[in-house]
Structures are given as C-alpha cells and as structure tokens.
N, C-alpha and C. Protein backbone atom coordinates (compact mmCIF):
# COMPACT_ATOMS: atom_id res chain seq x y z
N MET A 1 23.31 67.98 -32.56
CA MET A 1 22.14 67.18 -32.47
C MET A 1 22.08 66.47 -31.13
N ARG A 2 20.97 66.44 -30.64
CA ARG A 2 20.78 65.90 -29.31
C ARG A 2 20.24 64.48 -29.40
N ARG A 3 20.80 63.59 -28.63
CA ARG A 3 20.33 62.20 -28.59
C ARG A 3 19.49 61.98 -27.35
N PHE A 4 18.40 61.27 -27.59
CA PHE A 4 17.55 60.91 -26.47
C PHE A 4 17.70 59.42 -26.21
N ILE A 5 18.10 59.07 -25.05
CA ILE A 5 18.25 57.67 -24.66
C ILE A 5 17.12 57.35 -23.69
N ASN A 6 16.43 56.32 -24.05
CA ASN A 6 15.30 55.91 -23.22
C ASN A 6 15.80 55.04 -22.08
N HIS A 7 15.75 55.52 -20.91
CA HIS A 7 16.18 54.78 -19.72
C HIS A 7 14.99 54.19 -18.99
N ASN A 8 13.91 54.02 -19.67
CA ASN A 8 12.70 53.50 -19.05
C ASN A 8 12.81 51.96 -18.99
N ASN A 9 13.01 51.41 -17.83
CA ASN A 9 13.17 49.95 -17.66
C ASN A 9 11.85 49.21 -17.64
N GLN A 10 10.76 49.90 -17.67
CA GLN A 10 9.47 49.25 -17.63
C GLN A 10 9.19 48.49 -18.93
N ASP A 11 9.77 48.93 -20.02
CA ASP A 11 9.55 48.27 -21.30
C ASP A 11 10.36 46.99 -21.43
N GLN A 12 11.39 46.83 -20.67
CA GLN A 12 12.28 45.67 -20.78
C GLN A 12 12.14 44.77 -19.56
N GLU A 13 11.00 44.11 -19.44
CA GLU A 13 10.79 43.21 -18.31
C GLU A 13 11.47 41.88 -18.57
N ALA A 14 12.06 41.35 -17.55
CA ALA A 14 12.70 40.03 -17.67
C ALA A 14 11.62 38.96 -17.57
N SER A 15 11.68 37.97 -18.46
CA SER A 15 10.71 36.89 -18.42
C SER A 15 11.44 35.55 -18.47
N VAL A 16 10.86 34.60 -17.83
CA VAL A 16 11.43 33.26 -17.79
C VAL A 16 10.53 32.34 -18.60
N ASP A 17 11.12 31.62 -19.52
CA ASP A 17 10.36 30.69 -20.35
C ASP A 17 10.24 29.37 -19.59
N ILE A 18 9.02 29.01 -19.20
CA ILE A 18 8.81 27.80 -18.40
C ILE A 18 8.43 26.60 -19.25
N THR A 19 8.45 26.74 -20.55
CA THR A 19 8.08 25.64 -21.43
C THR A 19 8.97 24.41 -21.23
N PRO A 20 10.30 24.54 -21.16
CA PRO A 20 11.12 23.34 -20.92
C PRO A 20 10.82 22.67 -19.59
N MET A 21 10.52 23.46 -18.56
CA MET A 21 10.20 22.87 -17.27
C MET A 21 8.88 22.09 -17.35
N LEU A 22 7.90 22.61 -18.03
CA LEU A 22 6.64 21.90 -18.19
C LEU A 22 6.84 20.61 -18.99
N ASP A 23 7.69 20.64 -19.99
CA ASP A 23 7.99 19.43 -20.75
C ASP A 23 8.58 18.35 -19.85
N VAL A 24 9.50 18.73 -19.00
CA VAL A 24 10.13 17.77 -18.10
C VAL A 24 9.11 17.22 -17.11
N VAL A 25 8.24 18.06 -16.59
CA VAL A 25 7.22 17.61 -15.64
C VAL A 25 6.28 16.61 -16.30
N PHE A 26 5.84 16.90 -17.51
CA PHE A 26 4.93 15.98 -18.20
C PHE A 26 5.61 14.67 -18.55
N ILE A 27 6.88 14.71 -18.92
CA ILE A 27 7.62 13.47 -19.20
C ILE A 27 7.75 12.64 -17.93
N MET A 28 8.03 13.27 -16.81
CA MET A 28 8.12 12.53 -15.54
C MET A 28 6.78 11.95 -15.16
N LEU A 29 5.69 12.68 -15.37
CA LEU A 29 4.35 12.19 -15.07
C LEU A 29 4.03 10.95 -15.90
N ILE A 30 4.33 11.00 -17.17
CA ILE A 30 4.10 9.85 -18.05
C ILE A 30 4.95 8.67 -17.58
N PHE A 31 6.20 8.91 -17.22
CA PHE A 31 7.08 7.83 -16.74
C PHE A 31 6.50 7.16 -15.51
N PHE A 32 6.03 7.94 -14.54
CA PHE A 32 5.49 7.35 -13.32
C PHE A 32 4.19 6.62 -13.56
N ILE A 33 3.37 7.10 -14.47
CA ILE A 33 2.12 6.41 -14.77
C ILE A 33 2.41 5.07 -15.42
N VAL A 34 3.36 5.04 -16.34
CA VAL A 34 3.67 3.80 -17.06
C VAL A 34 4.32 2.77 -16.15
N THR A 35 5.18 3.21 -15.26
CA THR A 35 5.92 2.25 -14.42
C THR A 35 5.24 1.92 -13.11
N ALA A 36 4.13 2.56 -12.81
CA ALA A 36 3.43 2.31 -11.55
C ALA A 36 2.84 0.91 -11.54
N THR A 37 2.88 0.30 -10.38
CA THR A 37 2.22 -0.98 -10.22
C THR A 37 0.90 -0.72 -9.53
N PHE A 38 -0.12 -1.31 -10.06
CA PHE A 38 -1.44 -1.09 -9.51
C PHE A 38 -1.81 -2.27 -8.64
N VAL A 39 -2.36 -1.96 -7.49
CA VAL A 39 -2.75 -2.99 -6.55
C VAL A 39 -4.13 -3.51 -6.95
N LYS A 40 -4.24 -4.81 -7.07
CA LYS A 40 -5.52 -5.42 -7.38
C LYS A 40 -6.10 -5.99 -6.10
N LEU A 41 -7.36 -5.78 -5.94
CA LEU A 41 -8.06 -6.28 -4.77
C LEU A 41 -9.17 -7.21 -5.21
N SER A 42 -9.49 -8.14 -4.35
CA SER A 42 -10.55 -9.08 -4.68
C SER A 42 -11.92 -8.44 -4.53
N GLY A 43 -12.03 -7.41 -3.74
CA GLY A 43 -13.28 -6.68 -3.64
C GLY A 43 -14.02 -6.82 -2.34
N ILE A 44 -13.69 -7.78 -1.53
CA ILE A 44 -14.37 -7.94 -0.25
C ILE A 44 -13.33 -8.10 0.85
N GLU A 45 -13.77 -7.91 2.05
CA GLU A 45 -12.90 -8.07 3.22
C GLU A 45 -13.11 -9.46 3.80
N VAL A 46 -12.03 -10.22 3.87
CA VAL A 46 -12.11 -11.56 4.45
C VAL A 46 -11.21 -11.62 5.67
N ASP A 47 -11.49 -12.56 6.53
CA ASP A 47 -10.67 -12.80 7.72
C ASP A 47 -9.88 -14.07 7.47
N PRO A 48 -8.65 -13.95 6.93
CA PRO A 48 -7.90 -15.16 6.60
C PRO A 48 -7.38 -15.85 7.86
N PRO A 49 -7.07 -17.13 7.75
CA PRO A 49 -6.50 -17.82 8.91
C PRO A 49 -5.09 -17.32 9.18
N LYS A 50 -4.63 -17.55 10.38
CA LYS A 50 -3.28 -17.13 10.78
C LYS A 50 -2.27 -18.20 10.39
N ALA A 51 -1.07 -17.75 9.99
CA ALA A 51 0.03 -18.67 9.66
C ALA A 51 1.34 -17.97 10.00
N SER A 52 2.17 -18.59 10.77
CA SER A 52 3.43 -17.98 11.16
C SER A 52 4.46 -18.00 10.03
N THR A 53 4.24 -18.83 9.02
CA THR A 53 5.19 -18.92 7.91
C THR A 53 4.68 -18.25 6.64
N ALA A 54 3.72 -17.34 6.76
CA ALA A 54 3.16 -16.67 5.59
C ALA A 54 4.21 -15.78 4.93
N VAL A 55 4.25 -15.81 3.59
CA VAL A 55 5.17 -14.98 2.82
C VAL A 55 4.37 -14.15 1.82
N VAL A 56 4.97 -13.07 1.35
CA VAL A 56 4.31 -12.19 0.40
C VAL A 56 4.44 -12.77 -1.01
N GLN A 57 3.32 -12.81 -1.72
CA GLN A 57 3.30 -13.30 -3.11
C GLN A 57 3.52 -12.10 -4.02
N GLU A 58 4.56 -12.13 -4.84
CA GLU A 58 4.93 -10.98 -5.65
C GLU A 58 4.09 -10.81 -6.90
N LYS A 59 3.94 -11.86 -7.71
CA LYS A 59 3.32 -11.71 -9.02
C LYS A 59 1.88 -12.19 -9.05
N ALA A 60 1.14 -11.88 -8.05
CA ALA A 60 -0.25 -12.32 -8.01
C ALA A 60 -1.10 -11.35 -8.82
N ASN A 61 -1.72 -11.84 -9.88
CA ASN A 61 -2.58 -10.96 -10.64
C ASN A 61 -4.04 -11.39 -10.63
N ILE A 62 -4.32 -12.59 -10.16
CA ILE A 62 -5.69 -13.06 -10.06
C ILE A 62 -6.00 -13.30 -8.59
N LEU A 63 -6.81 -12.41 -8.03
CA LEU A 63 -7.19 -12.54 -6.63
C LEU A 63 -8.63 -13.01 -6.55
N ILE A 64 -8.82 -14.12 -5.88
CA ILE A 64 -10.15 -14.69 -5.72
C ILE A 64 -10.45 -14.75 -4.23
N ALA A 65 -11.59 -14.22 -3.84
CA ALA A 65 -11.96 -14.20 -2.42
C ALA A 65 -13.16 -15.12 -2.20
N ILE A 66 -13.13 -15.79 -1.05
CA ILE A 66 -14.25 -16.62 -0.62
C ILE A 66 -14.67 -16.07 0.75
N ASP A 67 -15.92 -15.60 0.83
CA ASP A 67 -16.36 -15.03 2.10
C ASP A 67 -16.89 -16.11 3.03
N GLU A 68 -17.36 -15.69 4.20
CA GLU A 68 -17.82 -16.65 5.22
C GLU A 68 -19.08 -17.38 4.79
N ASN A 69 -19.80 -16.86 3.79
CA ASN A 69 -20.99 -17.51 3.27
C ASN A 69 -20.70 -18.37 2.03
N ASN A 70 -19.43 -18.61 1.77
CA ASN A 70 -18.95 -19.42 0.65
C ASN A 70 -19.30 -18.82 -0.71
N LYS A 71 -19.39 -17.51 -0.78
CA LYS A 71 -19.58 -16.82 -2.05
C LYS A 71 -18.20 -16.47 -2.62
N ILE A 72 -18.08 -16.58 -3.94
CA ILE A 72 -16.80 -16.35 -4.61
C ILE A 72 -16.82 -14.96 -5.24
N TRP A 73 -15.73 -14.20 -5.03
CA TRP A 73 -15.65 -12.83 -5.50
C TRP A 73 -14.36 -12.63 -6.31
N ILE A 74 -14.49 -11.94 -7.46
CA ILE A 74 -13.33 -11.52 -8.26
C ILE A 74 -13.59 -10.08 -8.68
N ASN A 75 -12.64 -9.19 -8.43
CA ASN A 75 -12.73 -7.79 -8.83
C ASN A 75 -14.04 -7.12 -8.38
N ARG A 76 -14.35 -7.26 -7.12
CA ARG A 76 -15.50 -6.62 -6.48
C ARG A 76 -16.86 -7.08 -7.01
N ARG A 77 -16.90 -8.21 -7.63
CA ARG A 77 -18.20 -8.72 -8.07
C ARG A 77 -18.28 -10.21 -7.74
N GLU A 78 -19.48 -10.59 -7.37
CA GLU A 78 -19.70 -11.99 -7.04
C GLU A 78 -19.74 -12.81 -8.32
N VAL A 79 -19.06 -13.95 -8.30
CA VAL A 79 -18.95 -14.81 -9.48
C VAL A 79 -19.60 -16.15 -9.15
N ASP A 80 -20.47 -16.60 -10.03
CA ASP A 80 -21.04 -17.93 -9.88
C ASP A 80 -19.95 -18.97 -10.14
N PHE A 81 -20.06 -20.10 -9.49
CA PHE A 81 -19.03 -21.13 -9.65
C PHE A 81 -18.89 -21.57 -11.11
N ARG A 82 -19.99 -21.61 -11.84
CA ARG A 82 -19.93 -22.04 -13.24
C ARG A 82 -19.18 -21.05 -14.12
N ALA A 83 -19.12 -19.78 -13.73
CA ALA A 83 -18.41 -18.75 -14.49
C ALA A 83 -16.99 -18.53 -13.99
N LEU A 84 -16.58 -19.29 -13.00
CA LEU A 84 -15.26 -19.08 -12.41
C LEU A 84 -14.13 -19.42 -13.39
N ARG A 85 -14.21 -20.57 -14.01
CA ARG A 85 -13.14 -21.00 -14.92
C ARG A 85 -12.95 -20.01 -16.09
N PRO A 86 -14.01 -19.57 -16.79
CA PRO A 86 -13.79 -18.59 -17.87
C PRO A 86 -13.19 -17.27 -17.38
N ASN A 87 -13.58 -16.84 -16.18
CA ASN A 87 -13.00 -15.62 -15.61
C ASN A 87 -11.51 -15.79 -15.35
N ILE A 88 -11.12 -16.92 -14.80
CA ILE A 88 -9.70 -17.16 -14.53
C ILE A 88 -8.93 -17.26 -15.85
N GLU A 89 -9.51 -17.92 -16.85
CA GLU A 89 -8.84 -18.02 -18.15
C GLU A 89 -8.62 -16.64 -18.76
N ARG A 90 -9.61 -15.78 -18.67
CA ARG A 90 -9.49 -14.43 -19.23
C ARG A 90 -8.43 -13.62 -18.49
N LEU A 91 -8.44 -13.67 -17.16
CA LEU A 91 -7.45 -12.92 -16.39
C LEU A 91 -6.05 -13.47 -16.58
N HIS A 92 -5.94 -14.79 -16.73
CA HIS A 92 -4.63 -15.39 -16.95
C HIS A 92 -4.09 -15.05 -18.34
N ALA A 93 -4.97 -14.89 -19.32
CA ALA A 93 -4.54 -14.50 -20.66
C ALA A 93 -3.97 -13.08 -20.67
N GLU A 94 -4.46 -12.23 -19.78
CA GLU A 94 -3.96 -10.86 -19.68
C GLU A 94 -2.54 -10.82 -19.12
N ASN A 95 -2.23 -11.73 -18.20
CA ASN A 95 -0.88 -11.79 -17.61
C ASN A 95 -0.52 -13.25 -17.38
N PRO A 96 0.08 -13.91 -18.39
CA PRO A 96 0.38 -15.34 -18.27
C PRO A 96 1.39 -15.70 -17.18
N LYS A 97 2.21 -14.75 -16.73
CA LYS A 97 3.21 -15.06 -15.70
C LYS A 97 2.67 -14.89 -14.29
N GLY A 98 1.46 -14.42 -14.18
CA GLY A 98 0.87 -14.21 -12.86
C GLY A 98 0.38 -15.49 -12.23
N SER A 99 -0.02 -15.38 -11.01
CA SER A 99 -0.50 -16.55 -10.27
C SER A 99 -1.87 -16.23 -9.66
N VAL A 100 -2.49 -17.26 -9.12
CA VAL A 100 -3.79 -17.12 -8.46
C VAL A 100 -3.55 -17.10 -6.95
N VAL A 101 -4.15 -16.13 -6.29
CA VAL A 101 -4.12 -16.08 -4.83
C VAL A 101 -5.55 -16.17 -4.35
N ILE A 102 -5.82 -17.17 -3.53
CA ILE A 102 -7.16 -17.38 -2.99
C ILE A 102 -7.20 -16.84 -1.57
N GLN A 103 -8.08 -15.88 -1.35
CA GLN A 103 -8.25 -15.29 -0.02
C GLN A 103 -9.52 -15.87 0.58
N ALA A 104 -9.38 -16.96 1.29
CA ALA A 104 -10.54 -17.64 1.87
C ALA A 104 -10.72 -17.20 3.32
N ASP A 105 -11.93 -16.88 3.66
CA ASP A 105 -12.26 -16.56 5.04
C ASP A 105 -12.09 -17.81 5.89
N LYS A 106 -11.66 -17.64 7.12
CA LYS A 106 -11.43 -18.82 7.97
C LYS A 106 -12.71 -19.55 8.32
N MET A 107 -13.88 -18.91 8.10
CA MET A 107 -15.16 -19.57 8.36
C MET A 107 -15.75 -20.22 7.10
N SER A 108 -15.08 -20.08 5.97
CA SER A 108 -15.59 -20.69 4.73
C SER A 108 -15.30 -22.20 4.74
N ARG A 109 -15.98 -22.91 3.86
CA ARG A 109 -15.84 -24.37 3.81
C ARG A 109 -14.68 -24.76 2.91
N ASN A 110 -14.03 -25.85 3.27
CA ASN A 110 -12.94 -26.36 2.45
C ASN A 110 -13.42 -26.80 1.08
N GLU A 111 -14.65 -27.23 1.00
CA GLU A 111 -15.19 -27.69 -0.28
C GLU A 111 -15.16 -26.56 -1.32
N THR A 112 -15.51 -25.34 -0.90
CA THR A 112 -15.49 -24.20 -1.81
C THR A 112 -14.06 -23.88 -2.23
N LEU A 113 -13.15 -23.95 -1.28
CA LEU A 113 -11.74 -23.71 -1.59
C LEU A 113 -11.22 -24.71 -2.61
N ILE A 114 -11.54 -25.97 -2.44
CA ILE A 114 -11.08 -27.01 -3.37
C ILE A 114 -11.70 -26.80 -4.75
N LYS A 115 -12.96 -26.38 -4.81
CA LYS A 115 -13.60 -26.11 -6.09
C LYS A 115 -12.91 -24.96 -6.82
N VAL A 116 -12.52 -23.93 -6.09
CA VAL A 116 -11.82 -22.80 -6.70
C VAL A 116 -10.44 -23.24 -7.19
N MET A 117 -9.75 -24.04 -6.41
CA MET A 117 -8.44 -24.54 -6.84
C MET A 117 -8.57 -25.41 -8.08
N ASP A 118 -9.57 -26.28 -8.12
CA ASP A 118 -9.79 -27.13 -9.30
C ASP A 118 -10.11 -26.29 -10.54
N ALA A 119 -10.93 -25.27 -10.37
CA ALA A 119 -11.26 -24.39 -11.50
C ALA A 119 -10.02 -23.67 -12.01
N SER A 120 -9.14 -23.28 -11.10
CA SER A 120 -7.90 -22.62 -11.51
C SER A 120 -7.01 -23.57 -12.31
N ARG A 121 -6.89 -24.79 -11.83
CA ARG A 121 -6.07 -25.77 -12.55
C ARG A 121 -6.68 -26.12 -13.90
N ARG A 122 -8.00 -26.25 -13.98
CA ARG A 122 -8.65 -26.53 -15.26
C ARG A 122 -8.50 -25.36 -16.23
N ALA A 123 -8.32 -24.16 -15.70
CA ALA A 123 -8.11 -22.98 -16.53
C ALA A 123 -6.66 -22.86 -16.97
N GLY A 124 -5.79 -23.74 -16.49
CA GLY A 124 -4.39 -23.73 -16.91
C GLY A 124 -3.46 -23.00 -15.97
N VAL A 125 -3.93 -22.62 -14.80
CA VAL A 125 -3.09 -21.92 -13.83
C VAL A 125 -2.75 -22.90 -12.71
N TYR A 126 -1.46 -23.22 -12.61
CA TYR A 126 -1.03 -24.17 -11.59
C TYR A 126 -0.28 -23.51 -10.44
N ASP A 127 0.03 -22.22 -10.60
CA ASP A 127 0.68 -21.47 -9.53
C ASP A 127 -0.40 -20.85 -8.66
N ILE A 128 -0.78 -21.57 -7.60
CA ILE A 128 -1.88 -21.15 -6.73
C ILE A 128 -1.36 -20.97 -5.32
N ALA A 129 -1.74 -19.87 -4.69
CA ALA A 129 -1.34 -19.60 -3.30
C ALA A 129 -2.58 -19.32 -2.48
N LEU A 130 -2.48 -19.62 -1.20
CA LEU A 130 -3.56 -19.34 -0.25
C LEU A 130 -3.14 -18.17 0.63
N ALA A 131 -4.01 -17.20 0.78
CA ALA A 131 -3.69 -16.02 1.60
C ALA A 131 -3.85 -16.35 3.08
N ALA A 132 -2.92 -15.83 3.87
CA ALA A 132 -2.96 -16.01 5.32
C ALA A 132 -2.37 -14.74 5.94
N SER A 133 -2.68 -14.50 7.18
CA SER A 133 -2.09 -13.36 7.88
C SER A 133 -1.13 -13.86 8.94
N ASN A 134 -0.20 -13.00 9.31
CA ASN A 134 0.80 -13.37 10.33
C ASN A 134 0.24 -13.19 11.70
C-alpha cells in the first residue's frame, strides 16, 4: 500500500495572535487617560506684570482672568461680578484642595482685583495667588 504525504506548506500558514498585544495597548491607553493632568486655562490672553520672585503654583484649579477692560473671565466665558462667587463655590466644590489663581492684566484696575479676591474669600477659598511672569 502506498502512502501519500501531503508536503504542501500552503495549508499550514503560521499566524500570530495579536489579541494579547491589543489588550496591553488598551490597558496602557486607559492608564494614561486616567492619570493625565489636564491643563486648565482661563480662556483669554492677559499681559501679567513682571516679578523676579514668581513661582509656579502646583494645585491651581480655579483660574480667573481679568483683562485690560476689567472684564472677568472663567473657563473661556465672561462672568458678571455678581455671578463670580457662585462660580468659585462650584469650582471649589469639585476640587476642595485646589487654589484660586488670578491672572490680572497689568493694565487692569486694582479695584477689580480686590473684588475678585473678596469674592474668592466669601466663597470659602483662602488660598489665592496672583499670576506674574518672570
């Protein structure tokens, strides 16, 4: 009796299972999304005053900008002074360990700056910093 052995290698293709690699990639993606720190911006460009002793504020989560026309901005929207305190209270409730950073334009009035600081303190936030450039 004669035996036929199939030596056709076309039927036996080598394949690589990439499912474990995709699992690892998705797990790493989720890890980086969860641990990423997102930069918050006040929404407008201000020209802060210069200070040679300026330091970086680490835990700033409430950024308030005052432009040269004394308009107050939070999260890219103009905020009326009467709505400032509730906005600060809401943002502070989201991150109680954060602080307020006021980015006042060097041409803005001190009166507006003091009003923003008072509103922050009335909202229960006493950790207030003023933005400056080196």
